[in-house]
Amino acid sequence: MAIAKFKDIAKDDIHLAGEKMSLQDIVGKTIVITGFKITKSKFKDTDYLALQFEIENEQHVTFTSATVLIEQLKKYGEQLPFETVIKRLGKFYSFT
């Protein structure tokens, strides 16, 4: 009988590691997205994103309810890791 690995069965229990950075501090910079977790916000009836990334070979994490970023990760998250730049487009943030 094959024994499952915890990391393969506990997808929802993943905790993202790294030094916290604000989203505004990484806008316009090249980053590598290495992980993410989308949950329901504790304060609003919206989704909330925990985003793990590398910048200059250091692991970081940021938290946001940016709907465009969340929708992009729902669509393309299976293709991690990927390099991107987060841009602010008016009131919205987007991977480019």
PDB file of N, CA and C in Angstrom:
ATOM      1  N   MET A   1       0.833  -1.175   0.000  1.00  0.00           N
ATOM      2  CA  MET A   1       0.000   0.000   0.000  1.00  0.00           C
ATOM      3  C   MET A   1       0.888   1.252   0.000  1.00  0.00           C
ATOM      4  N   ALA A   2       0.576   2.195  -0.897  1.00  0.00           N
ATOM      5  CA  ALA A   2       1.331   3.446  -0.972  1.00  0.00           C
ATOM      6  C   ALA A   2       0.865   4.387   0.128  1.00  0.00           C
ATOM      7  N   ILE A   3       1.807   5.015   0.774  1.00  0.00           N
ATOM      8  CA  ILE A   3       1.494   5.939   1.859  1.00  0.00           C
ATOM      9  C   ILE A   3       1.549   7.367   1.318  1.00  0.00           C
ATOM     10  N   ALA A   4       0.480   8.117   1.554  1.00  0.00           N
ATOM     11  CA  ALA A   4       0.392   9.496   1.082  1.00  0.00           C
ATOM     12  C   ALA A   4       1.308  10.400   1.898  1.00  0.00           C
ATOM     13  N   LYS A   5       1.758  11.461   1.268  1.00  0.00           N
ATOM     14  CA  LYS A   5       2.549  12.472   1.960  1.00  0.00           C
ATOM     15  C   LYS A   5       1.606  13.570   2.446  1.00  0.00           C
ATOM     16  N   PHE A   6       1.860  14.086   3.627  1.00  0.00           N
ATOM     17  CA  PHE A   6       1.006  15.106   4.219  1.00  0.00           C
ATOM     18  C   PHE A   6       0.843  16.298   3.283  1.00  0.00           C
ATOM     19  N   LYS A   7       1.924  16.748   2.654  1.00  0.00           N
ATOM     20  CA  LYS A   7       1.861  17.920   1.780  1.00  0.00           C
ATOM     21  C   LYS A   7       0.922  17.703   0.599  1.00  0.00           C
ATOM     22  N   ASP A   8       0.672  16.437   0.227  1.00  0.00           N
ATOM     23  CA  ASP A   8      -0.212  16.143  -0.893  1.00  0.00           C
ATOM     24  C   ASP A   8      -1.682  16.068  -0.497  1.00  0.00           C
ATOM     25  N   ILE A   9      -1.960  15.826   0.771  1.00  0.00           N
ATOM     26  CA  ILE A   9      -3.348  15.681   1.198  1.00  0.00           C
ATOM     27  C   ILE A   9      -3.868  16.883   1.985  1.00  0.00           C
ATOM     28  N   ALA A  10      -3.002  17.753   2.459  1.00  0.00           N
ATOM     29  CA  ALA A  10      -3.402  18.869   3.320  1.00  0.00           C
ATOM     30  C   ALA A  10      -3.233  20.201   2.611  1.00  0.00           C
ATOM     31  N   LYS A  11      -3.759  20.321   1.420  1.00  0.00           N
ATOM     32  CA  LYS A  11      -3.603  21.543   0.625  1.00  0.00           C
ATOM     33  C   LYS A  11      -4.153  22.785   1.342  1.00  0.00           C
ATOM     34  N   ASP A  12      -5.258  22.650   2.077  1.00  0.00           N
ATOM     35  CA  ASP A  12      -5.874  23.804   2.741  1.00  0.00           C
ATOM     36  C   ASP A  12      -5.138  24.243   3.995  1.00  0.00           C
ATOM     37  N   ASP A  13      -4.239  23.424   4.507  1.00  0.00           N
ATOM     38  CA  ASP A  13      -3.519  23.745   5.735  1.00  0.00           C
ATOM     39  C   ASP A  13      -2.158  24.380   5.482  1.00  0.00           C
ATOM     40  N   ILE A  14      -1.895  24.767   4.262  1.00  0.00           N
ATOM     41  CA  ILE A  14      -0.591  25.321   3.898  1.00  0.00           C
ATOM     42  C   ILE A  14      -0.450  26.721   4.502  1.00  0.00           C
ATOM     43  N   HIS A  15       0.646  26.938   5.195  1.00  0.00           N
ATOM     44  CA  HIS A  15       0.969  28.259   5.733  1.00  0.00           C
ATOM     45  C   HIS A  15       2.135  28.810   4.928  1.00  0.00           C
ATOM     46  N   LEU A  16       1.989  30.029   4.490  1.00  0.00           N
ATOM     47  CA  LEU A  16       3.010  30.642   3.652  1.00  0.00           C
ATOM     48  C   LEU A  16       4.015  31.373   4.521  1.00  0.00           C
ATOM     49  N   ALA A  17       5.286  31.173   4.222  1.00  0.00           N
ATOM     50  CA  ALA A  17       6.352  31.759   5.025  1.00  0.00           C
ATOM     51  C   ALA A  17       7.017  32.904   4.273  1.00  0.00           C
ATOM     52  N   GLY A  18       7.635  33.759   5.017  1.00  0.00           N
ATOM     53  CA  GLY A  18       8.394  34.856   4.435  1.00  0.00           C
ATOM     54  C   GLY A  18       8.163  36.136   5.214  1.00  0.00           C
ATOM     55  N   GLU A  19       9.075  37.069   5.027  1.00  0.00           N
ATOM     56  CA  GLU A  19       8.949  38.371   5.678  1.00  0.00           C
ATOM     57  C   GLU A  19       7.819  39.144   5.018  1.00  0.00           C
ATOM     58  N   LYS A  20       6.961  39.743   5.821  1.00  0.00           N
ATOM     59  CA  LYS A  20       5.802  40.462   5.313  1.00  0.00           C
ATOM     60  C   LYS A  20       6.225  41.761   4.627  1.00  0.00           C
ATOM     61  N   MET A  21       5.636  42.004   3.459  1.00  0.00           N
ATOM     62  CA  MET A  21       5.824  43.258   2.728  1.00  0.00           C
ATOM     63  C   MET A  21       4.443  43.757   2.323  1.00  0.00           C
ATOM     64  N   SER A  22       4.267  45.052   2.252  1.00  0.00           N
ATOM     65  CA  SER A  22       2.985  45.583   1.794  1.00  0.00           C
ATOM     66  C   SER A  22       2.917  45.495   0.272  1.00  0.00           C
ATOM     67  N   LEU A  23       1.717  45.376  -0.241  1.00  0.00           N
ATOM     68  CA  LEU A  23       1.519  45.296  -1.684  1.00  0.00           C
ATOM     69  C   LEU A  23       2.081  46.532  -2.381  1.00  0.00           C
ATOM     70  N   GLN A  24       1.910  47.689  -1.798  1.00  0.00           N
ATOM     71  CA  GLN A  24       2.402  48.938  -2.391  1.00  0.00           C
ATOM     72  C   GLN A  24       3.921  48.931  -2.553  1.00  0.00           C
ATOM     73  N   ASP A  25       4.620  48.209  -1.682  1.00  0.00           N
ATOM     74  CA  ASP A  25       6.083  48.166  -1.743  1.00  0.00           C
ATOM     75  C   ASP A  25       6.612  47.298  -2.884  1.00  0.00           C
ATOM     76  N   ILE A  26       5.761  46.438  -3.456  1.00  0.00           N
ATOM     77  CA  ILE A  26       6.241  45.559  -4.536  1.00  0.00           C
ATOM     78  C   ILE A  26       5.679  45.941  -5.899  1.00  0.00           C
ATOM     79  N   VAL A  27       4.765  46.914  -5.946  1.00  0.00           N
ATOM     80  CA  VAL A  27       4.216  47.354  -7.228  1.00  0.00           C
ATOM     81  C   VAL A  27       5.348  47.863  -8.110  1.00  0.00           C
ATOM     82  N   GLY A  28       5.374  47.372  -9.354  1.00  0.00           N
ATOM     83  CA  GLY A  28       6.386  47.799 -10.311  1.00  0.00           C
ATOM     84  C   GLY A  28       7.688  47.035 -10.254  1.00  0.00           C
ATOM     85  N   LYS A  29       7.819  46.094  -9.316  1.00  0.00           N
ATOM     86  CA  LYS A  29       9.047  45.312  -9.184  1.00  0.00           C
ATOM     87  C   LYS A  29       8.840  43.901  -9.719  1.00  0.00           C
ATOM     88  N   THR A  30       9.889  43.321 -10.276  1.00  0.00           N
ATOM     89  CA  THR A  30       9.824  41.944 -10.754  1.00  0.00           C
ATOM     90  C   THR A  30       9.876  40.995  -9.570  1.00  0.00           C
ATOM     91  N   ILE A  31       8.875  40.114  -9.489  1.00  0.00           N
ATOM     92  CA  ILE A  31       8.798  39.134  -8.413  1.00  0.00           C
ATOM     93  C   ILE A  31       8.503  37.761  -9.002  1.00  0.00           C
ATOM     94  N   VAL A  32       8.764  36.717  -8.221  1.00  0.00           N
ATOM     95  CA  VAL A  32       8.431  35.348  -8.617  1.00  0.00           C
ATOM     96  C   VAL A  32       7.394  34.841  -7.626  1.00  0.00           C
ATOM     97  N   ILE A  33       6.196  34.556  -8.126  1.00  0.00           N
ATOM     98  CA  ILE A  33       5.126  34.037  -7.286  1.00  0.00           C
ATOM     99  C   ILE A  33       5.413  32.566  -7.009  1.00  0.00           C
ATOM    100  N   THR A  34       5.505  32.188  -5.737  1.00  0.00           N
ATOM    101  CA  THR A  34       5.847  30.812  -5.368  1.00  0.00           C
ATOM    102  C   THR A  34       4.715  30.081  -4.656  1.00  0.00           C
ATOM    103  N   GLY A  35       3.724  30.805  -4.182  1.00  0.00           N
ATOM    104  CA  GLY A  35       2.605  30.174  -3.506  1.00  0.00           C
ATOM    105  C   GLY A  35       1.522  31.182  -3.193  1.00  0.00           C
ATOM    106  N   PHE A  36       0.311  30.671  -2.957  1.00  0.00           N
ATOM    107  CA  PHE A  36      -0.773  31.557  -2.571  1.00  0.00           C
ATOM    108  C   PHE A  36      -1.863  30.752  -1.886  1.00  0.00           C
ATOM    109  N   LYS A  37      -2.700  31.471  -1.154  1.00  0.00           N
ATOM    110  CA  LYS A  37      -3.848  30.860  -0.504  1.00  0.00           C
ATOM    111  C   LYS A  37      -4.978  31.878  -0.525  1.00  0.00           C
ATOM    112  N   ILE A  38      -6.130  31.460  -1.015  1.00  0.00           N
ATOM    113  CA  ILE A  38      -7.303  32.323  -1.066  1.00  0.00           C
ATOM    114  C   ILE A  38      -8.304  31.816  -0.030  1.00  0.00           C
ATOM    115  N   THR A  39      -8.713  32.699   0.862  1.00  0.00           N
ATOM    116  CA  THR A  39      -9.689  32.361   1.899  1.00  0.00           C
ATOM    117  C   THR A  39     -10.747  33.453   1.945  1.00  0.00           C
ATOM    118  N   LYS A  40     -11.758  33.228   2.737  1.00  0.00           N
ATOM    119  CA  LYS A  40     -12.770  34.266   2.965  1.00  0.00           C
ATOM    120  C   LYS A  40     -12.241  35.238   4.011  1.00  0.00           C
ATOM    121  N   SER A  41     -12.461  36.509   3.777  1.00  0.00           N
ATOM    122  CA  SER A  41     -12.043  37.534   4.725  1.00  0.00           C
ATOM    123  C   SER A  41     -12.805  37.376   6.037  1.00  0.00           C
ATOM    124  N   LYS A  42     -12.125  37.651   7.140  1.00  0.00           N
ATOM    125  CA  LYS A  42     -12.760  37.602   8.457  1.00  0.00           C
ATOM    126  C   LYS A  42     -13.626  38.841   8.699  1.00  0.00           C
ATOM    127  N   PHE A  43     -13.393  39.902   7.924  1.00  0.00           N
ATOM    128  CA  PHE A  43     -14.046  41.180   8.185  1.00  0.00           C
ATOM    129  C   PHE A  43     -15.085  41.570   7.139  1.00  0.00           C
ATOM    130  N   LYS A  44     -14.944  41.055   5.909  1.00  0.00           N
ATOM    131  CA  LYS A  44     -15.860  41.403   4.823  1.00  0.00           C
ATOM    132  C   LYS A  44     -16.318  40.116   4.151  1.00  0.00           C
ATOM    133  N   ASP A  45     -17.353  40.227   3.362  1.00  0.00           N
ATOM    134  CA  ASP A  45     -17.848  39.073   2.611  1.00  0.00           C
ATOM    135  C   ASP A  45     -17.133  39.003   1.259  1.00  0.00           C
ATOM    136  N   THR A  46     -15.804  38.938   1.308  1.00  0.00           N
ATOM    137  CA  THR A  46     -14.989  38.886   0.092  1.00  0.00           C
ATOM    138  C   THR A  46     -13.869  37.866   0.284  1.00  0.00           C
ATOM    139  N   ASP A  47     -13.212  37.558  -0.823  1.00  0.00           N
ATOM    140  CA  ASP A  47     -12.042  36.691  -0.750  1.00  0.00           C
ATOM    141  C   ASP A  47     -10.843  37.494  -0.272  1.00  0.00           C
ATOM    142  N   TYR A  48      -9.884  36.779   0.298  1.00  0.00           N
ATOM    143  CA  TYR A  48      -8.663  37.384   0.824  1.00  0.00           C
ATOM    144  C   TYR A  48      -7.482  36.554   0.338  1.00  0.00           C
ATOM    145  N   LEU A  49      -6.449  37.203  -0.132  1.00  0.00           N
ATOM    146  CA  LEU A  49      -5.303  36.537  -0.739  1.00  0.00           C
ATOM    147  C   LEU A  49      -4.061  36.665   0.132  1.00  0.00           C
ATOM    148  N   ALA A  50      -3.443  35.533   0.421  1.00  0.00           N
ATOM    149  CA  ALA A  50      -2.104  35.500   1.006  1.00  0.00           C
ATOM    150  C   ALA A  50      -1.188  35.091  -0.137  1.00  0.00           C
ATOM    151  N   LEU A  51      -0.249  35.934  -0.475  1.00  0.00           N
ATOM    152  CA  LEU A  51       0.606  35.739  -1.642  1.00  0.00           C
ATOM    153  C   LEU A  51       2.063  35.589  -1.212  1.00  0.00           C
ATOM    154  N   GLN A  52       2.672  34.467  -1.559  1.00  0.00           N
ATOM    155  CA  GLN A  52       4.081  34.212  -1.248  1.00  0.00           C
ATOM    156  C   GLN A  52       4.886  34.453  -2.520  1.00  0.00           C
ATOM    157  N   PHE A  53       5.998  35.154  -2.375  1.00  0.00           N
ATOM    158  CA  PHE A  53       6.803  35.495  -3.546  1.00  0.00           C
ATOM    159  C   PHE A  53       8.263  35.669  -3.168  1.00  0.00           C
ATOM    160  N   GLU A  54       9.105  35.651  -4.181  1.00  0.00           N
ATOM    161  CA  GLU A  54      10.530  35.945  -4.000  1.00  0.00           C
ATOM    162  C   GLU A  54      10.842  37.240  -4.722  1.00  0.00           C
ATOM    163  N   ILE A  55      11.641  38.039  -4.064  1.00  0.00           N
ATOM    164  CA  ILE A  55      12.160  39.255  -4.670  1.00  0.00           C
ATOM    165  C   ILE A  55      13.618  39.352  -4.248  1.00  0.00           C
ATOM    166  N   GLU A  56      14.487  39.481  -5.221  1.00  0.00           N
ATOM    167  CA  GLU A  56      15.926  39.512  -4.965  1.00  0.00           C
ATOM    168  C   GLU A  56      16.362  38.299  -4.138  1.00  0.00           C
ATOM    169  N   ASN A  57      15.852  37.121  -4.498  1.00  0.00           N
ATOM    170  CA  ASN A  57      16.183  35.834  -3.879  1.00  0.00           C
ATOM    171  C   ASN A  57      15.809  35.725  -2.403  1.00  0.00           C
ATOM    172  N   GLU A  58      14.881  36.560  -1.932  1.00  0.00           N
ATOM    173  CA  GLU A  58      14.390  36.483  -0.563  1.00  0.00           C
ATOM    174  C   GLU A  58      12.900  36.200  -0.570  1.00  0.00           C
ATOM    175  N   GLN A  59      12.463  35.311   0.325  1.00  0.00           N
ATOM    176  CA  GLN A  59      11.067  34.907   0.411  1.00  0.00           C
ATOM    177  C   GLN A  59      10.267  35.941   1.198  1.00  0.00           C
ATOM    178  N   HIS A  60       9.106  36.324   0.663  1.00  0.00           N
ATOM    179  CA  HIS A  60       8.224  37.301   1.307  1.00  0.00           C
ATOM    180  C   HIS A  60       6.783  36.854   1.176  1.00  0.00           C
ATOM    181  N   VAL A  61       5.916  37.558   1.889  1.00  0.00           N
ATOM    182  CA  VAL A  61       4.480  37.308   1.808  1.00  0.00           C
ATOM    183  C   VAL A  61       3.761  38.653   1.916  1.00  0.00           C
ATOM    184  N   THR A  62       2.628  38.761   1.209  1.00  0.00           N
ATOM    185  CA  THR A  62       1.784  39.939   1.315  1.00  0.00           C
ATOM    186  C   THR A  62       0.338  39.483   1.369  1.00  0.00           C
ATOM    187  N   PHE A  63      -0.519  40.340   1.872  1.00  0.00           N
ATOM    188  CA  PHE A  63      -1.931  40.006   2.049  1.00  0.00           C
ATOM    189  C   PHE A  63      -2.778  41.102   1.422  1.00  0.00           C
ATOM    190  N   THR A  64      -3.827  40.709   0.688  1.00  0.00           N
ATOM    191  CA  THR A  64      -4.657  41.684  -0.005  1.00  0.00           C
ATOM    192  C   THR A  64      -6.014  41.094  -0.349  1.00  0.00           C
ATOM    193  N   SER A  65      -6.966  41.968  -0.596  1.00  0.00           N
ATOM    194  CA  SER A  65      -8.265  41.539  -1.108  1.00  0.00           C
ATOM    195  C   SER A  65      -8.450  42.024  -2.543  1.00  0.00           C
ATOM    196  N   ALA A  66      -7.342  42.310  -3.225  1.00  0.00           N
ATOM    197  CA  ALA A  66      -7.377  42.799  -4.615  1.00  0.00           C
ATOM    198  C   ALA A  66      -8.045  41.760  -5.517  1.00  0.00           C
ATOM    199  N   THR A  67      -9.243  42.079  -5.986  1.00  0.00           N
ATOM    200  CA  THR A  67     -10.059  41.105  -6.714  1.00  0.00           C
ATOM    201  C   THR A  67      -9.442  40.651  -8.032  1.00  0.00           C
ATOM    202  N   VAL A  68      -8.787  41.538  -8.744  1.00  0.00           N
ATOM    203  CA  VAL A  68      -8.178  41.149 -10.026  1.00  0.00           C
ATOM    204  C   VAL A  68      -7.049  40.148  -9.790  1.00  0.00           C
ATOM    205  N   LEU A  69      -6.203  40.388  -8.801  1.00  0.00           N
ATOM    206  CA  LEU A  69      -5.129  39.446  -8.488  1.00  0.00           C
ATOM    207  C   LEU A  69      -5.699  38.092  -8.088  1.00  0.00           C
ATOM    208  N   ILE A  70      -6.749  38.104  -7.295  1.00  0.00           N
ATOM    209  CA  ILE A  70      -7.376  36.853  -6.865  1.00  0.00           C
ATOM    210  C   ILE A  70      -7.932  36.093  -8.065  1.00  0.00           C
ATOM    211  N   GLU A  71      -8.620  36.780  -8.952  1.00  0.00           N
ATOM    212  CA  GLU A  71      -9.183  36.125 -10.138  1.00  0.00           C
ATOM    213  C   GLU A  71      -8.080  35.596 -11.062  1.00  0.00           C
ATOM    214  N   GLN A  72      -7.000  36.340 -11.206  1.00  0.00           N
ATOM    215  CA  GLN A  72      -5.888  35.869 -12.040  1.00  0.00           C
ATOM    216  C   GLN A  72      -5.264  34.616 -11.445  1.00  0.00           C
ATOM    217  N   LEU A  73      -5.117  34.553 -10.136  1.00  0.00           N
ATOM    218  CA  LEU A  73      -4.535  33.363  -9.515  1.00  0.00           C
ATOM    219  C   LEU A  73      -5.482  32.167  -9.566  1.00  0.00           C
ATOM    220  N   LYS A  74      -6.779  32.405  -9.477  1.00  0.00           N
ATOM    221  CA  LYS A  74      -7.738  31.313  -9.641  1.00  0.00           C
ATOM    222  C   LYS A  74      -7.608  30.705 -11.037  1.00  0.00           C
ATOM    223  N   LYS A  75      -7.324  31.545 -12.007  1.00  0.00           N
ATOM    224  CA  LYS A  75      -7.234  31.096 -13.405  1.00  0.00           C
ATOM    225  C   LYS A  75      -5.871  30.495 -13.743  1.00  0.00           C
ATOM    226  N   TYR A  76      -4.789  31.107 -13.239  1.00  0.00           N
ATOM    227  CA  TYR A  76      -3.438  30.711 -13.646  1.00  0.00           C
ATOM    228  C   TYR A  76      -2.573  30.146 -12.519  1.00  0.00           C
ATOM    229  N   GLY A  77      -3.115  29.986 -11.336  1.00  0.00           N
ATOM    230  CA  GLY A  77      -2.345  29.547 -10.175  1.00  0.00           C
ATOM    231  C   GLY A  77      -1.709  28.179 -10.313  1.00  0.00           C
ATOM    232  N   GLU A  78      -2.261  27.322 -11.157  1.00  0.00           N
ATOM    233  CA  GLU A  78      -1.696  25.985 -11.361  1.00  0.00           C
ATOM    234  C   GLU A  78      -0.332  26.034 -12.052  1.00  0.00           C
ATOM    235  N   GLN A  79       0.018  27.181 -12.600  1.00  0.00           N
ATOM    236  CA  GLN A  79       1.258  27.303 -13.357  1.00  0.00           C
ATOM    237  C   GLN A  79       2.405  27.888 -12.533  1.00  0.00           C
ATOM    238  N   LEU A  80       2.275  27.880 -11.220  1.00  0.00           N
ATOM    239  CA  LEU A  80       3.347  28.374 -10.345  1.00  0.00           C
ATOM    240  C   LEU A  80       4.585  27.507 -10.446  1.00  0.00           C
ATOM    241  N   PRO A  81       5.740  28.051 -10.223  1.00  0.00           N
ATOM    242  CA  PRO A  81       6.035  29.467 -10.005  1.00  0.00           C
ATOM    243  C   PRO A  81       6.059  30.222 -11.334  1.00  0.00           C
ATOM    244  N   PHE A  82       5.805  31.531 -11.265  1.00  0.00           N
ATOM    245  CA  PHE A  82       5.936  32.370 -12.448  1.00  0.00           C
ATOM    246  C   PHE A  82       6.425  33.760 -12.051  1.00  0.00           C
ATOM    247  N   GLU A  83       7.112  34.386 -12.994  1.00  0.00           N
ATOM    248  CA  GLU A  83       7.650  35.729 -12.789  1.00  0.00           C
ATOM    249  C   GLU A  83       6.628  36.744 -13.269  1.00  0.00           C
ATOM    250  N   THR A  84       6.493  37.831 -12.546  1.00  0.00           N
ATOM    251  CA  THR A  84       5.519  38.849 -12.909  1.00  0.00           C
ATOM    252  C   THR A  84       5.911  40.194 -12.309  1.00  0.00           C
ATOM    253  N   VAL A  85       5.198  41.204 -12.745  1.00  0.00           N
ATOM    254  CA  VAL A  85       5.266  42.536 -12.151  1.00  0.00           C
ATOM    255  C   VAL A  85       3.831  42.917 -11.830  1.00  0.00           C
ATOM    256  N   ILE A  86       3.582  43.363 -10.605  1.00  0.00           N
ATOM    257  CA  ILE A  86       2.245  43.830 -10.238  1.00  0.00           C
ATOM    258  C   ILE A  86       2.164  45.308 -10.584  1.00  0.00           C
ATOM    259  N   LYS A  87       1.144  45.652 -11.371  1.00  0.00           N
ATOM    260  CA  LYS A  87       0.919  47.044 -11.769  1.00  0.00           C
ATOM    261  C   LYS A  87      -0.365  47.542 -11.142  1.00  0.00           C
ATOM    262  N   ARG A  88      -0.407  48.821 -10.851  1.00  0.00           N
ATOM    263  CA  ARG A  88      -1.648  49.440 -10.388  1.00  0.00           C
ATOM    264  C   ARG A  88      -2.294  50.103 -11.588  1.00  0.00           C
ATOM    265  N   LEU A  89      -3.513  49.663 -11.875  1.00  0.00           N
ATOM    266  CA  LEU A  89      -4.269  50.191 -13.006  1.00  0.00           C
ATOM    267  C   LEU A  89      -5.503  50.909 -12.468  1.00  0.00           C
ATOM    268  N   GLY A  90      -5.396  52.202 -12.231  1.00  0.00           N
ATOM    269  CA  GLY A  90      -6.484  52.932 -11.608  1.00  0.00           C
ATOM    270  C   GLY A  90      -6.657  52.489 -10.169  1.00  0.00           C
ATOM    271  N   LYS A  91      -7.825  51.896  -9.869  1.00  0.00           N
ATOM    272  CA  LYS A  91      -8.109  51.401  -8.524  1.00  0.00           C
ATOM    273  C   LYS A  91      -7.758  49.941  -8.358  1.00  0.00           C
ATOM    274  N   PHE A  92      -7.253  49.300  -9.415  1.00  0.00           N
ATOM    275  CA  PHE A  92      -7.030  47.861  -9.397  1.00  0.00           C
ATOM    276  C   PHE A  92      -5.539  47.510  -9.513  1.00  0.00           C
ATOM    277  N   TYR A  93      -5.197  46.320  -9.021  1.00  0.00           N
ATOM    278  CA  TYR A  93      -3.861  45.758  -9.174  1.00  0.00           C
ATOM    279  C   TYR A  93      -3.959  44.565 -10.112  1.00  0.00           C
ATOM    280  N   SER A  94      -2.935  44.378 -10.948  1.00  0.00           N
ATOM    281  CA  SER A  94      -2.959  43.269 -11.907  1.00  0.00           C
ATOM    282  C   SER A  94      -1.549  42.733 -12.113  1.00  0.00           C
ATOM    283  N   PHE A  95      -1.456  41.403 -12.341  1.00  0.00           N
ATOM    284  CA  PHE A  95      -0.194  40.810 -12.760  1.00  0.00           C
ATOM    285  C   PHE A  95       0.023  41.151 -14.229  1.00  0.00           C
ATOM    286  N   THR A  96       1.253  41.471 -14.599  1.00  0.00           N
ATOM    287  CA  THR A  96       1.544  41.753 -16.010  1.00  0.00           C
ATOM    288  C   THR A  96       2.752  40.940 -16.450  1.00  0.00           C
TER     289      THR A  96
END
